[in-house]
Every structure is written in structure tokens, then in C-alpha cells.
Amino acid sequence: MIREVQLGKSGITENFIGMLKVHFSNCRTVKVTVLKSVRKNRDELKKFSDELLKHLGPNYTSKIIGFKIILKKWRQPRIKIDETGK
């Protein structure tokens, strides 16, 4: 099951993060639609995505498709491998 929420003029607030956590308690994937009143260009979507991941924690990943941010919850943290392969 996939839930959908909208990110509006108020931006990323504590209430928005709380609402996302409630959705993630019931499902693994949430689509965040960024409304036109918030976005100015595609670079801002990356900033929103990074900020959401910072608030949610290491068990989450994001992907940007169009003007939507797809957030996915994993059981274990996703570990980034550095250039040395360790």
C-alpha cells in the first residue's frame, strides 16, 4: 500500500514529520507531492528530500520522480559504502 501526502506552503514542520511517521507505521512507501506554491526549481526538491531523510533517520531512502518525492522505509538502516569499498 502506498500513501500520498502534499507538501504545501508551510514546508517541513514537526506536524508534517509526525504525519509521515504515522503513515509509515501502517505502510512502507509514502509519496510526497510538492505543490507549485513551494517549489521554484528541481534543485529545491533535492533539498526537501535531504531534509526529510535527516528528520526520519537512517532506515529511510528517497527517490525523486517529477515533482514527487518517494520515501521508503526499510527494516534495517541503509549503509552507504565509501569509495574504498568498506
PDB file of N, CA and C in Angstrom:
ATOM      1  N   MET A   1       0.832  -1.162   0.000  1.00  0.00           N
ATOM      2  CA  MET A   1       0.000   0.000   0.000  1.00  0.00           C
ATOM      3  C   MET A   1       0.895   1.250   0.000  1.00  0.00           C
ATOM      4  N   ILE A   2       0.518   2.244  -0.769  1.00  0.00           N
ATOM      5  CA  ILE A   2       1.272   3.485  -0.886  1.00  0.00           C
ATOM      6  C   ILE A   2       0.379   4.639  -0.440  1.00  0.00           C
ATOM      7  N   ARG A   3       0.875   5.466   0.469  1.00  0.00           N
ATOM      8  CA  ARG A   3       0.139   6.639   0.919  1.00  0.00           C
ATOM      9  C   ARG A   3       0.669   7.863   0.187  1.00  0.00           C
ATOM     10  N   GLU A   4      -0.180   8.870   0.035  1.00  0.00           N
ATOM     11  CA  GLU A   4       0.226  10.108  -0.622  1.00  0.00           C
ATOM     12  C   GLU A   4      -0.097  11.287   0.275  1.00  0.00           C
ATOM     13  N   VAL A   5       0.879  12.212   0.394  1.00  0.00           N
ATOM     14  CA  VAL A   5       0.688  13.446   1.151  1.00  0.00           C
ATOM     15  C   VAL A   5       1.184  14.603   0.302  1.00  0.00           C
ATOM     16  N   GLN A   6       0.770  15.822   0.686  1.00  0.00           N
ATOM     17  CA  GLN A   6       1.184  17.011  -0.052  1.00  0.00           C
ATOM     18  C   GLN A   6       2.018  17.901   0.849  1.00  0.00           C
ATOM     19  N   LEU A   7       3.092  18.454   0.280  1.00  0.00           N
ATOM     20  CA  LEU A   7       3.940  19.412   0.979  1.00  0.00           C
ATOM     21  C   LEU A   7       3.556  20.792   0.467  1.00  0.00           C
ATOM     22  N   GLY A   8       2.995  21.614   1.350  1.00  0.00           N
ATOM     23  CA  GLY A   8       2.473  22.913   0.938  1.00  0.00           C
ATOM     24  C   GLY A   8       3.326  24.069   1.408  1.00  0.00           C
ATOM     25  N   LYS A   9       2.691  25.248   1.520  1.00  0.00           N
ATOM     26  CA  LYS A   9       3.392  26.492   1.835  1.00  0.00           C
ATOM     27  C   LYS A   9       4.098  26.466   3.180  1.00  0.00           C
ATOM     28  N   SER A  10       3.557  25.763   4.146  1.00  0.00           N
ATOM     29  CA  SER A  10       4.182  25.758   5.470  1.00  0.00           C
ATOM     30  C   SER A  10       5.486  24.970   5.491  1.00  0.00           C
ATOM     31  N   GLY A  11       5.739  24.167   4.475  1.00  0.00           N
ATOM     32  CA  GLY A  11       7.001  23.443   4.360  1.00  0.00           C
ATOM     33  C   GLY A  11       7.069  22.249   5.294  1.00  0.00           C
ATOM     34  N   ILE A  12       8.298  21.893   5.662  1.00  0.00           N
ATOM     35  CA  ILE A  12       8.529  20.725   6.509  1.00  0.00           C
ATOM     36  C   ILE A  12       8.491  21.186   7.966  1.00  0.00           C
ATOM     37  N   THR A  13       7.429  20.825   8.660  1.00  0.00           N
ATOM     38  CA  THR A  13       7.251  21.196  10.056  1.00  0.00           C
ATOM     39  C   THR A  13       7.235  19.938  10.915  1.00  0.00           C
ATOM     40  N   GLU A  14       7.186  20.123  12.224  1.00  0.00           N
ATOM     41  CA  GLU A  14       7.108  18.978  13.126  1.00  0.00           C
ATOM     42  C   GLU A  14       5.817  18.194  12.897  1.00  0.00           C
ATOM     43  N   ASN A  15       4.733  18.901  12.607  1.00  0.00           N
ATOM     44  CA  ASN A  15       3.463  18.215  12.332  1.00  0.00           C
ATOM     45  C   ASN A  15       3.550  17.368  11.064  1.00  0.00           C
ATOM     46  N   PHE A  16       4.230  17.892  10.035  1.00  0.00           N
ATOM     47  CA  PHE A  16       4.382  17.148   8.781  1.00  0.00           C
ATOM     48  C   PHE A  16       5.204  15.882   9.025  1.00  0.00           C
ATOM     49  N   ILE A  17       6.296  16.002   9.775  1.00  0.00           N
ATOM     50  CA  ILE A  17       7.132  14.833  10.087  1.00  0.00           C
ATOM     51  C   ILE A  17       6.330  13.824  10.908  1.00  0.00           C
ATOM     52  N   GLY A  18       5.550  14.308  11.868  1.00  0.00           N
ATOM     53  CA  GLY A  18       4.714  13.414  12.672  1.00  0.00           C
ATOM     54  C   GLY A  18       3.701  12.674  11.831  1.00  0.00           C
ATOM     55  N   MET A  19       3.095  13.386  10.872  1.00  0.00           N
ATOM     56  CA  MET A  19       2.131  12.758   9.978  1.00  0.00           C
ATOM     57  C   MET A  19       2.805  11.676   9.127  1.00  0.00           C
ATOM     58  N   LEU A  20       4.031  11.949   8.649  1.00  0.00           N
ATOM     59  CA  LEU A  20       4.753  10.936   7.876  1.00  0.00           C
ATOM     60  C   LEU A  20       5.022   9.695   8.720  1.00  0.00           C
ATOM     61  N   LYS A  21       5.429   9.891   9.971  1.00  0.00           N
ATOM     62  CA  LYS A  21       5.714   8.751  10.844  1.00  0.00           C
ATOM     63  C   LYS A  21       4.465   7.915  11.096  1.00  0.00           C
ATOM     64  N   VAL A  22       3.308   8.574  11.211  1.00  0.00           N
ATOM     65  CA  VAL A  22       2.052   7.838  11.375  1.00  0.00           C
ATOM     66  C   VAL A  22       1.768   7.004  10.124  1.00  0.00           C
ATOM     67  N   HIS A  23       1.971   7.589   8.951  1.00  0.00           N
ATOM     68  CA  HIS A  23       1.764   6.837   7.711  1.00  0.00           C
ATOM     69  C   HIS A  23       2.730   5.660   7.615  1.00  0.00           C
ATOM     70  N   PHE A  24       3.985   5.870   8.041  1.00  0.00           N
ATOM     71  CA  PHE A  24       4.964   4.789   7.965  1.00  0.00           C
ATOM     72  C   PHE A  24       4.694   3.686   8.985  1.00  0.00           C
ATOM     73  N   SER A  25       3.885   3.944   9.993  1.00  0.00           N
ATOM     74  CA  SER A  25       3.536   2.867  10.925  1.00  0.00           C
ATOM     75  C   SER A  25       2.582   1.868  10.277  1.00  0.00           C
ATOM     76  N   ASN A  26       1.906   2.292   9.187  1.00  0.00           N
ATOM     77  CA  ASN A  26       0.947   1.415   8.507  1.00  0.00           C
ATOM     78  C   ASN A  26       1.420   0.915   7.153  1.00  0.00           C
ATOM     79  N   CYS A  27       2.373   1.598   6.535  1.00  0.00           N
ATOM     80  CA  CYS A  27       2.828   1.183   5.209  1.00  0.00           C
ATOM     81  C   CYS A  27       4.315   1.500   5.051  1.00  0.00           C
ATOM     82  N   ARG A  28       4.916   1.008   3.968  1.00  0.00           N
ATOM     83  CA  ARG A  28       6.356   1.164   3.764  1.00  0.00           C
ATOM     84  C   ARG A  28       6.716   2.276   2.793  1.00  0.00           C
ATOM     85  N   THR A  29       5.773   2.761   1.997  1.00  0.00           N
ATOM     86  CA  THR A  29       6.073   3.754   0.972  1.00  0.00           C
ATOM     87  C   THR A  29       5.100   4.918   1.063  1.00  0.00           C
ATOM     88  N   VAL A  30       5.659   6.142   1.007  1.00  0.00           N
ATOM     89  CA  VAL A  30       4.840   7.352   1.029  1.00  0.00           C
ATOM     90  C   VAL A  30       5.307   8.261  -0.108  1.00  0.00           C
ATOM     91  N   LYS A  31       4.349   8.757  -0.898  1.00  0.00           N
ATOM     92  CA  LYS A  31       4.648   9.716  -1.959  1.00  0.00           C
ATOM     93  C   LYS A  31       4.340  11.113  -1.442  1.00  0.00           C
ATOM     94  N   VAL A  32       5.330  12.009  -1.521  1.00  0.00           N
ATOM     95  CA  VAL A  32       5.142  13.393  -1.099  1.00  0.00           C
ATOM     96  C   VAL A  32       5.090  14.248  -2.361  1.00  0.00           C
ATOM     97  N   THR A  33       3.932  14.840  -2.624  1.00  0.00           N
ATOM     98  CA  THR A  33       3.780  15.736  -3.766  1.00  0.00           C
ATOM     99  C   THR A  33       4.119  17.145  -3.310  1.00  0.00           C
ATOM    100  N   VAL A  34       5.078  17.768  -3.980  1.00  0.00           N
ATOM    101  CA  VAL A  34       5.485  19.136  -3.646  1.00  0.00           C
ATOM    102  C   VAL A  34       4.662  20.083  -4.510  1.00  0.00           C
ATOM    103  N   LEU A  35       3.846  20.910  -3.863  1.00  0.00           N
ATOM    104  CA  LEU A  35       2.952  21.803  -4.581  1.00  0.00           C
ATOM    105  C   LEU A  35       3.697  22.954  -5.245  1.00  0.00           C
ATOM    106  N   LYS A  36       3.086  23.558  -6.242  1.00  0.00           N
ATOM    107  CA  LYS A  36       3.712  24.646  -7.003  1.00  0.00           C
ATOM    108  C   LYS A  36       4.037  25.851  -6.133  1.00  0.00           C
ATOM    109  N   SER A  37       3.256  26.090  -5.080  1.00  0.00           N
ATOM    110  CA  SER A  37       3.493  27.247  -4.219  1.00  0.00           C
ATOM    111  C   SER A  37       4.798  27.133  -3.444  1.00  0.00           C
ATOM    112  N   VAL A  38       5.343  25.937  -3.337  1.00  0.00           N
ATOM    113  CA  VAL A  38       6.572  25.707  -2.579  1.00  0.00           C
ATOM    114  C   VAL A  38       7.791  25.612  -3.490  1.00  0.00           C
ATOM    115  N   ARG A  39       7.650  24.924  -4.585  1.00  0.00           N
ATOM    116  CA  ARG A  39       8.809  24.642  -5.439  1.00  0.00           C
ATOM    117  C   ARG A  39       9.063  25.786  -6.418  1.00  0.00           C
ATOM    118  N   LYS A  40      10.326  26.057  -6.612  1.00  0.00           N
ATOM    119  CA  LYS A  40      10.728  27.036  -7.607  1.00  0.00           C
ATOM    120  C   LYS A  40      11.510  26.363  -8.729  1.00  0.00           C
ATOM    121  N   ASN A  41      12.271  25.330  -8.372  1.00  0.00           N
ATOM    122  CA  ASN A  41      13.003  24.552  -9.374  1.00  0.00           C
ATOM    123  C   ASN A  41      13.267  23.152  -8.818  1.00  0.00           C
ATOM    124  N   ARG A  42      13.857  22.309  -9.626  1.00  0.00           N
ATOM    125  CA  ARG A  42      14.084  20.915  -9.226  1.00  0.00           C
ATOM    126  C   ARG A  42      15.164  20.776  -8.157  1.00  0.00           C
ATOM    127  N   ASP A  43      16.062  21.771  -8.048  1.00  0.00           N
ATOM    128  CA  ASP A  43      17.099  21.690  -7.020  1.00  0.00           C
ATOM    129  C   ASP A  43      16.497  21.746  -5.618  1.00  0.00           C
ATOM    130  N   GLU A  44      15.388  22.460  -5.474  1.00  0.00           N
ATOM    131  CA  GLU A  44      14.736  22.537  -4.174  1.00  0.00           C
ATOM    132  C   GLU A  44      14.150  21.197  -3.761  1.00  0.00           C
ATOM    133  N   LEU A  45      13.755  20.384  -4.719  1.00  0.00           N
ATOM    134  CA  LEU A  45      13.238  19.052  -4.388  1.00  0.00           C
ATOM    135  C   LEU A  45      14.306  18.216  -3.698  1.00  0.00           C
ATOM    136  N   LYS A  46      15.540  18.320  -4.164  1.00  0.00           N
ATOM    137  CA  LYS A  46      16.648  17.585  -3.548  1.00  0.00           C
ATOM    138  C   LYS A  46      16.862  18.071  -2.116  1.00  0.00           C
ATOM    139  N   LYS A  47      16.745  19.379  -1.888  1.00  0.00           N
ATOM    140  CA  LYS A  47      16.896  19.921  -0.533  1.00  0.00           C
ATOM    141  C   LYS A  47      15.792  19.405   0.387  1.00  0.00           C
ATOM    142  N   PHE A  48      14.551  19.396  -0.118  1.00  0.00           N
ATOM    143  CA  PHE A  48      13.438  18.867   0.672  1.00  0.00           C
ATOM    144  C   PHE A  48      13.655  17.389   0.981  1.00  0.00           C
ATOM    145  N   SER A  49      14.108  16.639  -0.006  1.00  0.00           N
ATOM    146  CA  SER A  49      14.349  15.214   0.170  1.00  0.00           C
ATOM    147  C   SER A  49      15.413  14.967   1.240  1.00  0.00           C
ATOM    148  N   ASP A  50      16.517  15.708   1.169  1.00  0.00           N
ATOM    149  CA  ASP A  50      17.588  15.553   2.154  1.00  0.00           C
ATOM    150  C   ASP A  50      17.122  15.922   3.556  1.00  0.00           C
ATOM    151  N   GLU A  51      16.317  16.974   3.655  1.00  0.00           N
ATOM    152  CA  GLU A  51      15.819  17.397   4.962  1.00  0.00           C
ATOM    153  C   GLU A  51      14.862  16.354   5.554  1.00  0.00           C
ATOM    154  N   LEU A  52      14.011  15.783   4.717  1.00  0.00           N
ATOM    155  CA  LEU A  52      13.100  14.739   5.194  1.00  0.00           C
ATOM    156  C   LEU A  52      13.876  13.528   5.699  1.00  0.00           C
ATOM    157  N   LEU A  53      14.901  13.112   4.956  1.00  0.00           N
ATOM    158  CA  LEU A  53      15.699  11.964   5.382  1.00  0.00           C
ATOM    159  C   LEU A  53      16.441  12.254   6.675  1.00  0.00           C
ATOM    160  N   LYS A  54      16.875  13.495   6.855  1.00  0.00           N
ATOM    161  CA  LYS A  54      17.565  13.880   8.087  1.00  0.00           C
ATOM    162  C   LYS A  54      16.620  13.746   9.282  1.00  0.00           C
ATOM    163  N   HIS A  55      15.366  14.139   9.111  1.00  0.00           N
ATOM    164  CA  HIS A  55      14.401  14.062  10.200  1.00  0.00           C
ATOM    165  C   HIS A  55      13.925  12.631  10.453  1.00  0.00           C
ATOM    166  N   LEU A  56      13.791  11.829   9.408  1.00  0.00           N
ATOM    167  CA  LEU A  56      13.243  10.483   9.562  1.00  0.00           C
ATOM    168  C   LEU A  56      14.260   9.479  10.086  1.00  0.00           C
ATOM    169  N   GLY A  57      15.509   9.564   9.654  1.00  0.00           N
ATOM    170  CA  GLY A  57      16.533   8.657  10.155  1.00  0.00           C
ATOM    171  C   GLY A  57      17.139   7.760   9.082  1.00  0.00           C
ATOM    172  N   PRO A  58      18.040   6.851   9.495  1.00  0.00           N
ATOM    173  CA  PRO A  58      18.801   6.042   8.535  1.00  0.00           C
ATOM    174  C   PRO A  58      18.019   4.891   7.901  1.00  0.00           C
ATOM    175  N   ASN A  59      16.838   4.585   8.397  1.00  0.00           N
ATOM    176  CA  ASN A  59      16.060   3.472   7.842  1.00  0.00           C
ATOM    177  C   ASN A  59      15.249   3.874   6.624  1.00  0.00           C
ATOM    178  N   TYR A  60      15.422   5.088   6.134  1.00  0.00           N
ATOM    179  CA  TYR A  60      14.594   5.598   5.043  1.00  0.00           C
ATOM    180  C   TYR A  60      15.464   5.979   3.849  1.00  0.00           C
ATOM    181  N   THR A  61      14.899   5.817   2.657  1.00  0.00           N
ATOM    182  CA  THR A  61      15.552   6.267   1.432  1.00  0.00           C
ATOM    183  C   THR A  61      14.547   7.089   0.635  1.00  0.00           C
ATOM    184  N   SER A  62      15.078   7.874  -0.306  1.00  0.00           N
ATOM    185  CA  SER A  62      14.178   8.703  -1.113  1.00  0.00           C
ATOM    186  C   SER A  62      14.568   8.623  -2.577  1.00  0.00           C
ATOM    187  N   LYS A  63      13.584   8.932  -3.413  1.00  0.00           N
ATOM    188  CA  LYS A  63      13.785   8.960  -4.857  1.00  0.00           C
ATOM    189  C   LYS A  63      12.890  10.070  -5.395  1.00  0.00           C
ATOM    190  N   ILE A  64      13.420  10.874  -6.310  1.00  0.00           N
ATOM    191  CA  ILE A  64      12.653  11.981  -6.866  1.00  0.00           C
ATOM    192  C   ILE A  64      12.204  11.610  -8.276  1.00  0.00           C
ATOM    193  N   ILE A  65      10.903  11.668  -8.499  1.00  0.00           N
ATOM    194  CA  ILE A  65      10.327  11.414  -9.814  1.00  0.00           C
ATOM    195  C   ILE A  65       9.394  12.574 -10.118  1.00  0.00           C
ATOM    196  N   GLY A  66       9.743  13.353 -11.118  1.00  0.00           N
ATOM    197  CA  GLY A  66       8.941  14.528 -11.442  1.00  0.00           C
ATOM    198  C   GLY A  66       8.996  15.521 -10.304  1.00  0.00           C
ATOM    199  N   PHE A  67       7.836  15.890  -9.778  1.00  0.00           N
ATOM    200  CA  PHE A  67       7.778  16.774  -8.620  1.00  0.00           C
ATOM    201  C   PHE A  67       7.256  16.023  -7.401  1.00  0.00           C
ATOM    202  N   LYS A  68       7.553  14.725  -7.344  1.00  0.00           N
ATOM    203  CA  LYS A  68       7.183  13.888  -6.204  1.00  0.00           C
ATOM    204  C   LYS A  68       8.435  13.299  -5.580  1.00  0.00           C
ATOM    205  N   ILE A  69       8.407  13.212  -4.261  1.00  0.00           N
ATOM    206  CA  ILE A  69       9.476  12.560  -3.512  1.00  0.00           C
ATOM    207  C   ILE A  69       8.891  11.258  -2.976  1.00  0.00           C
ATOM    208  N   ILE A  70       9.475  10.142  -3.374  1.00  0.00           N
ATOM    209  CA  ILE A  70       9.011   8.840  -2.913  1.00  0.00           C
ATOM    210  C   ILE A  70       9.922   8.429  -1.764  1.00  0.00           C
ATOM    211  N   LEU A  71       9.328   8.253  -0.586  1.00  0.00           N
ATOM    212  CA  LEU A  71      10.064   7.846   0.604  1.00  0.00           C
ATOM    213  C   LEU A  71       9.744   6.392   0.897  1.00  0.00           C
ATOM    214  N   LYS A  72      10.772   5.619   1.228  1.00  0.00           N
ATOM    215  CA  LYS A  72      10.582   4.204   1.512  1.00  0.00           C
ATOM    216  C   LYS A  72      11.241   3.864   2.838  1.00  0.00           C
ATOM    217  N   LYS A  73      10.542   3.081   3.640  1.00  0.00           N
ATOM    218  CA  LYS A  73      11.065   2.650   4.933  1.00  0.00           C
ATOM    219  C   LYS A  73      11.607   1.230   4.810  1.00  0.00           C
ATOM    220  N   TRP A  74      12.794   1.006   5.369  1.00  0.00           N
ATOM    221  CA  TRP A  74      13.436  -0.304   5.353  1.00  0.00           C
ATOM    222  C   TRP A  74      13.512  -0.836   6.781  1.00  0.00           C
ATOM    223  N   ARG A  75      13.661  -2.125   6.918  1.00  0.00           N
ATOM    224  CA  ARG A  75      13.763  -2.730   8.250  1.00  0.00           C
ATOM    225  C   ARG A  75      15.081  -2.392   8.929  1.00  0.00           C
ATOM    226  N   GLN A  76      16.142  -2.351   8.141  1.00  0.00           N
ATOM    227  CA  GLN A  76      17.469  -2.045   8.683  1.00  0.00           C
ATOM    228  C   GLN A  76      17.999  -0.790   8.008  1.00  0.00           C
ATOM    229  N   PRO A  77      18.895  -0.070   8.694  1.00  0.00           N
ATOM    230  CA  PRO A  77      19.466   1.134   8.075  1.00  0.00           C
ATOM    231  C   PRO A  77      20.210   0.804   6.798  1.00  0.00           C
ATOM    232  N   ARG A  78      20.103   1.695   5.829  1.00  0.00           N
ATOM    233  CA  ARG A  78      20.845   1.549   4.581  1.00  0.00           C
ATOM    234  C   ARG A  78      22.204   2.174   4.775  1.00  0.00           C
ATOM    235  N   ILE A  79      23.250   1.361   4.641  1.00  0.00           N
ATOM    236  CA  ILE A  79      24.620   1.815   4.869  1.00  0.00           C
ATOM    237  C   ILE A  79      25.227   2.213   3.531  1.00  0.00           C
ATOM    238  N   LYS A  80      25.768   3.434   3.487  1.00  0.00           N
ATOM    239  CA  LYS A  80      26.438   3.877   2.270  1.00  0.00           C
ATOM    240  C   LYS A  80      27.875   3.384   2.293  1.00  0.00           C
ATOM    241  N   ILE A  81      28.289   2.779   1.170  1.00  0.00           N
ATOM    242  CA  ILE A  81      29.654   2.268   1.059  1.00  0.00           C
ATOM    243  C   ILE A  81      30.524   3.362   0.465  1.00  0.00           C
ATOM    244  N   ASP A  82      31.664   3.623   1.130  1.00  0.00           N
ATOM    245  CA  ASP A  82      32.548   4.674   0.612  1.00  0.00           C
ATOM    246  C   ASP A  82      33.358   4.162  -0.576  1.00  0.00           C
ATOM    247  N   GLU A  83      34.209   4.983  -1.118  1.00  0.00           N
ATOM    248  CA  GLU A  83      34.943   4.662  -2.340  1.00  0.00           C
ATOM    249  C   GLU A  83      35.920   3.505  -2.179  1.00  0.00           C
ATOM    250  N   THR A  84      36.343   3.225  -0.931  1.00  0.00           N
ATOM    251  CA  THR A  84      37.292   2.130  -0.716  1.00  0.00           C
ATOM    252  C   THR A  84      36.594   0.777  -0.701  1.00  0.00           C
ATOM    253  N   GLY A  85      35.263   0.770  -0.644  1.00  0.00           N
ATOM    254  CA  GLY A  85      34.521  -0.480  -0.672  1.00  0.00           C
ATOM    255  C   GLY A  85      34.305  -1.081   0.706  1.00  0.00           C
ATOM    256  N   LYS A  86      34.611  -0.333   1.754  1.00  0.00           N
ATOM    257  CA  LYS A  86      34.445  -0.844   3.126  1.00  0.00           C
ATOM    258  C   LYS A  86      33.146  -0.393   3.714  1.00  0.00           C
TER     259      LYS A  86
END
